[in-house]
Amino acid sequence: MTLTLVHLLPELLGTYGDRGNVDIASWRLTQRGIAHEVLTIHVGDVIPTNADLYFLGGGEDDAQIAAVEILAKNQVTEKIIKQGGHFFAVCAGFQLLGESFPASGERIISGLGILPIKTVAGSPRSVGELLATATIPIAMLTGFENHSGQTHFLQDLQPLGRIEKGIGNSPESKVDGVVTEQILATYMHGPAFARNPELADWVLSRKVGALTKLDAPIFQQLHDERVATVS
């Protein structure tokens, strides 16, 4: 079986280098000899609904709105979920999976409604290093956040991490991201998989099963050094 990774709409959701998550995921699969392909889906391309793992990155207001309009067509995201696809979403990609998110001019934009969350405008902007204790069995999470939206759960959901430093979803929630059976989302840029190799492996393992440990301790060393610096 060949695993299929899909990088969705990089020209719209590619502002903060989140393409790196796709590259890191592919590299870590290659190092283990796991057969896979990477599909980059641009504006105007047909979006496959039977792939394994879909990546959504960060973007600005107008690009985010354009992305949600494309992803809402023909119920493509609902079909992906129904066919067992997983999402890894960052920042704007996280927000657009919810019920609604804010845009310039005090607009409220309807999201895809896949996650029971809503995002509202917040002030001041959340910018800086983020450090969180993971709610999944991996090391401390580290990333860089840059967002003005504040995300609130509309149901009882599992966050990805509990904030030690930074803002995350919102100042009052003191958590970052969300974890469901098929979605893992976060506000961490960096890219998140480059800064958190155990997170990359955990997300991949949900599709391919338990992974052997890589003989590349430098990645975990860099992660640990970043955690120490931010702390």
Foldseek 3Di string as FASTA:
>chain_A
DAAEEEEEACVLFVPQPLVVLVVLLVVVCVLQVHHYDYHYDHPPRDDDQQHAEYEGHHHAQVSLLVRQVVCPPPVSVVSNVVNNHAYEYADSRQQQCDQWEAHPPRDIGGHSHNAQKHKYFAPDWFWAKWWWAAPDPFHIFIATATGRIAMDGPDDFAAGGATPDTAARHNVVRGHFTDDLRYTYGHGPPPRCQLGVVVSQVNVCSRVNDDDDDPPCVSVVNNVVVNVVVD
